[in-house]
Amino acid sequence: MLLYPFHASEHRTVMLNFQKTTFLKSAFKPVDFPTEQQPEVVFAGRSNVGKSSTLNKLTGQSKLAKVSKTPGRTTSINFFSLADQGFLVDLPGYGYAKVSHSVKEHWGTFIKDYISKRNELRGVVLIMDCRHPFTDLDQLFLSICSESERPCHVVLNKADKLSNNEKNRIFQKILKPFLEQYDKLSWQFFSASTGKGLNELKAKVSEWVSQN
């Protein structure tokens, strides 16, 4: 379910061909970012919430984004070319990696600067495990998006594991307060394993990429 449904006629948006997505490069510092001035949509989330699986389901490619056996090991921002029309950007997962405090600080600054300063960034897809949504780290990340005035689309993954009553409870008690505070926030339930909600996610990303 989307808070702000996608309307192709209103936005004059054509659904992108996500199957033409290819890996471009990994960036460890801003100088490594692509120089093409194309729109970017970034995917973020805590480690082990299914971020890589969601990217793979979105693009129809089972091995595009590597699913690490040790969550939290990725230390780069990975860029994928989306049919030469924009970029899908995969941020390192947060909140799990067993690394030094100095490395975590570097990641935090690196990611915050990307979210707040990257001119090409059109929107943020924030993936959460719907059984454990809006942790303190999720809320911190949302605050960065809000302060930077970035549109954020919350994808509540693993929705196939919840009943409709449980989904309604999450919306009423957990999600609704955030919607009232953050006017650039939209959301949906999703399942990377079954593909439920895939068309809604494709529509949102296509909408952002096609913006001028």
Protein backbone atom coordinates (compact mmCIF):
# COMPACT_ATOMS: atom_id res chain seq x y z
CA MET A 1 0.00 0.00 0.00
CA LEU A 2 1.30 3.41 -0.95
CA LEU A 3 0.46 6.55 0.97
CA TYR A 4 0.82 8.57 -2.21
CA PRO A 5 -0.26 6.28 -5.07
CA PHE A 6 1.56 6.44 -8.37
CA HIS A 7 -0.39 7.97 -11.28
CA ALA A 8 1.32 7.64 -14.65
CA SER A 9 -0.90 10.20 -16.34
CA GLU A 10 -0.31 12.80 -13.63
CA HIS A 11 3.47 12.46 -13.59
CA ARG A 12 3.84 11.50 -17.26
CA THR A 13 6.11 8.72 -16.13
CA VAL A 14 6.98 5.66 -18.16
CA MET A 15 7.84 2.51 -16.22
CA LEU A 16 11.57 1.92 -16.62
CA ASN A 17 13.08 -1.32 -17.87
CA PHE A 18 14.75 -2.42 -14.64
CA GLN A 19 16.10 -5.60 -16.23
CA LYS A 20 18.65 -3.48 -18.09
CA THR A 21 20.34 -2.51 -14.83
CA THR A 22 24.09 -3.19 -14.75
CA PHE A 23 26.80 -2.72 -12.12
CA LEU A 24 28.87 0.41 -12.71
CA LYS A 25 31.30 0.95 -9.84
CA SER A 26 31.96 1.00 -6.10
CA ALA A 27 32.75 4.30 -4.40
CA PHE A 28 34.78 4.57 -1.20
CA LYS A 29 34.99 8.39 -1.27
CA PRO A 30 33.11 11.20 -3.07
CA VAL A 31 35.73 11.49 -5.81
CA ASP A 32 34.73 7.97 -6.88
CA PHE A 33 31.11 8.96 -7.57
CA PRO A 34 29.87 8.91 -11.19
CA THR A 35 30.36 12.21 -12.99
CA GLU A 36 27.34 11.76 -15.26
CA GLN A 37 24.60 14.13 -14.14
CA GLN A 38 21.83 11.55 -14.09
CA PRO A 39 19.14 11.07 -11.42
CA GLU A 40 19.97 8.68 -8.59
CA VAL A 41 17.72 6.67 -6.27
CA VAL A 42 19.43 5.28 -3.21
CA PHE A 43 18.57 2.09 -1.30
CA ALA A 44 19.33 2.02 2.42
CA GLY A 45 18.53 -0.04 5.48
CA ARG A 46 19.85 -1.94 8.45
CA SER A 47 21.97 -4.99 7.71
CA ASN A 48 20.00 -8.18 7.14
CA VAL A 49 16.64 -6.58 6.24
CA GLY A 50 16.77 -7.82 2.64
CA LYS A 51 18.19 -4.78 0.87
CA SER A 52 20.20 -6.78 -1.68
CA SER A 53 17.30 -9.18 -2.20
CA THR A 54 14.98 -6.23 -2.84
CA LEU A 55 17.35 -4.75 -5.43
CA ASN A 56 17.64 -8.14 -7.12
CA LYS A 57 13.86 -8.59 -7.19
CA LEU A 58 13.39 -5.05 -8.55
CA THR A 59 15.82 -5.66 -11.42
CA GLY A 60 14.89 -9.26 -12.08
CA GLN A 61 18.51 -10.30 -11.61
CA SER A 62 19.25 -12.77 -8.86
CA LYS A 63 22.93 -11.86 -8.51
CA LEU A 64 23.10 -8.14 -9.31
CA ALA A 65 23.46 -7.06 -5.69
CA LYS A 66 25.54 -9.57 -3.77
CA VAL A 67 23.94 -11.00 -0.64
CA SER A 68 26.73 -11.18 1.91
CA LYS A 69 27.04 -14.21 4.18
CA THR A 70 28.36 -11.81 6.82
CA PRO A 71 25.98 -8.81 7.03
CA GLY A 72 27.62 -5.44 7.48
CA ARG A 73 30.82 -6.21 5.59
CA THR A 74 30.13 -3.84 2.68
CA THR A 75 32.02 -0.58 3.09
CA SER A 76 31.36 1.10 -0.24
CA ILE A 77 28.51 2.86 -2.00
CA ASN A 78 27.69 0.77 -5.06
CA PHE A 79 26.31 2.36 -8.23
CA PHE A 80 24.20 0.51 -10.80
CA SER A 81 23.34 2.00 -14.19
CA LEU A 82 19.58 1.89 -14.84
CA ALA A 83 19.06 1.54 -18.59
CA ASP A 84 21.32 4.59 -19.12
CA GLN A 85 18.60 6.79 -17.63
CA GLY A 86 19.83 7.03 -14.05
CA PHE A 87 21.48 5.13 -11.23
CA LEU A 88 20.33 2.81 -8.47
CA VAL A 89 22.63 3.31 -5.49
CA ASP A 90 23.22 0.69 -2.80
CA LEU A 91 24.38 2.06 0.56
CA PRO A 92 26.23 -0.07 3.13
CA GLY A 93 23.88 -1.67 5.64
CA TYR A 94 23.97 -0.01 9.03
CA GLY A 95 23.75 -1.26 12.59
CA TYR A 96 25.36 -4.69 12.41
CA ALA A 97 28.97 -4.59 11.29
CA LYS A 98 31.60 -5.53 13.86
CA VAL A 99 34.09 -2.82 12.96
CA SER A 100 36.00 -0.18 14.86
CA HIS A 101 34.39 3.01 16.10
CA SER A 102 36.53 5.10 13.75
CA VAL A 103 35.37 3.09 10.74
CA LYS A 104 31.73 3.49 11.79
CA GLU A 105 32.26 7.23 12.14
CA HIS A 106 33.73 7.35 8.63
CA TRP A 107 30.76 5.43 7.22
CA GLY A 108 28.31 7.68 9.03
CA THR A 109 29.88 10.88 7.71
CA PHE A 110 30.29 9.42 4.22
CA ILE A 111 26.63 8.38 4.00
CA LYS A 112 25.27 11.54 5.63
CA ASP A 113 27.21 13.73 3.21
CA TYR A 114 25.92 11.70 0.27
CA ILE A 115 22.30 12.03 1.40
CA SER A 116 22.51 15.75 2.21
CA LYS A 117 24.80 17.02 -0.55
CA ARG A 118 24.46 14.85 -3.64
CA ASN A 119 22.72 17.01 -6.26
CA GLU A 120 21.70 14.05 -8.42
CA LEU A 121 19.83 12.27 -5.60
CA ARG A 122 16.07 12.20 -6.25
CA GLY A 123 14.84 9.96 -3.47
CA VAL A 124 15.65 7.38 -0.80
CA VAL A 125 14.19 3.87 -0.59
CA LEU A 126 14.52 2.86 3.06
CA ILE A 127 14.07 -0.88 3.54
CA MET A 128 12.99 -2.30 6.89
CA ASP A 129 12.02 -5.71 8.19
CA CYS A 130 8.30 -5.16 8.78
CA ARG A 131 8.47 -7.33 11.90
CA HIS A 132 11.01 -4.95 13.47
CA PRO A 133 10.46 -1.54 11.84
CA PHE A 134 11.61 1.91 12.92
CA THR A 135 14.45 1.01 15.23
CA ASP A 136 16.53 3.82 16.71
CA LEU A 137 18.93 3.55 13.78
CA ASP A 138 16.07 3.67 11.27
CA GLN A 139 14.74 6.79 12.96
CA LEU A 140 18.19 8.37 12.89
CA PHE A 141 18.45 7.70 9.17
CA LEU A 142 14.97 9.12 8.61
CA SER A 143 15.98 12.27 10.46
CA ILE A 144 18.91 12.71 8.06
CA CYS A 145 16.52 12.42 5.11
CA SER A 146 14.06 14.83 6.72
CA GLU A 147 16.71 17.43 7.55
CA SER A 148 18.00 17.17 3.98
CA GLU A 149 14.41 17.41 2.63
CA ARG A 150 14.85 14.20 0.66
CA PRO A 151 11.74 12.24 -0.32
CA CYS A 152 11.83 8.86 1.40
CA HIS A 153 9.87 5.74 0.49
CA VAL A 154 9.72 3.17 3.30
CA VAL A 155 9.59 -0.41 2.06
CA LEU A 156 8.38 -2.76 4.80
CA ASN A 157 9.96 -5.98 3.57
CA LYS A 158 9.09 -9.57 4.55
CA ALA A 159 5.38 -8.67 4.61
CA ASP A 160 4.53 -12.24 3.62
CA LYS A 161 5.34 -13.20 7.21
CA LEU A 162 2.55 -11.02 8.70
CA SER A 163 -1.22 -11.28 8.77
CA ASN A 164 -3.41 -8.39 7.63
CA ASN A 165 -4.26 -7.62 11.25
CA GLU A 166 -0.57 -7.39 12.13
CA LYS A 167 0.03 -5.09 9.15
CA ASN A 168 -2.80 -2.82 10.25
CA ARG A 169 -1.40 -2.68 13.78
CA ILE A 170 2.02 -1.65 12.45
CA PHE A 171 0.46 1.11 10.40
CA GLN A 172 -1.73 2.50 13.17
CA LYS A 173 0.73 2.31 16.09
CA ILE A 174 4.14 2.64 14.45
CA LEU A 175 4.02 4.09 10.96
CA LYS A 176 1.25 6.68 11.20
CA PRO A 177 3.11 8.97 13.66
CA PHE A 178 6.02 9.24 11.20
CA LEU A 179 3.70 10.10 8.33
CA GLU A 180 2.29 12.96 10.36
CA GLN A 181 5.78 14.37 11.02
CA TYR A 182 7.43 13.93 7.63
CA ASP A 183 5.49 15.16 4.60
CA LYS A 184 7.95 13.67 2.09
CA LEU A 185 7.42 10.15 3.38
CA SER A 186 5.59 7.42 1.47
CA TRP A 187 5.44 3.71 2.21
CA GLN A 188 4.39 0.23 1.19
CA PHE A 189 4.45 -3.37 2.34
CA PHE A 190 6.70 -5.59 0.24
CA SER A 191 8.05 -9.12 -0.04
CA ALA A 192 11.35 -9.72 -1.78
CA SER A 193 10.66 -13.47 -1.71
CA THR A 194 7.20 -13.42 -3.33
CA GLY A 195 7.37 -10.14 -5.29
CA LYS A 196 4.27 -8.75 -3.58
CA GLY A 197 4.37 -4.96 -3.95
CA LEU A 198 6.94 -5.04 -6.78
CA ASN A 199 4.90 -2.94 -9.20
CA GLU A 200 4.41 -0.22 -6.56
CA LEU A 201 8.15 -0.09 -5.94
CA LYS A 202 8.92 0.06 -9.67
CA ALA A 203 6.43 2.89 -10.06
CA LYS A 204 7.95 4.95 -7.25
CA VAL A 205 11.52 4.56 -8.53
CA SER A 206 10.43 5.29 -12.12
CA GLU A 207 8.65 8.42 -10.92
CA TRP A 208 11.76 9.74 -9.19
CA VAL A 209 14.17 8.89 -12.02
CA SER A 210 11.98 10.64 -14.59
CA GLN A 211 11.91 13.87 -12.59
CA ASN A 212 13.94 16.77 -14.01
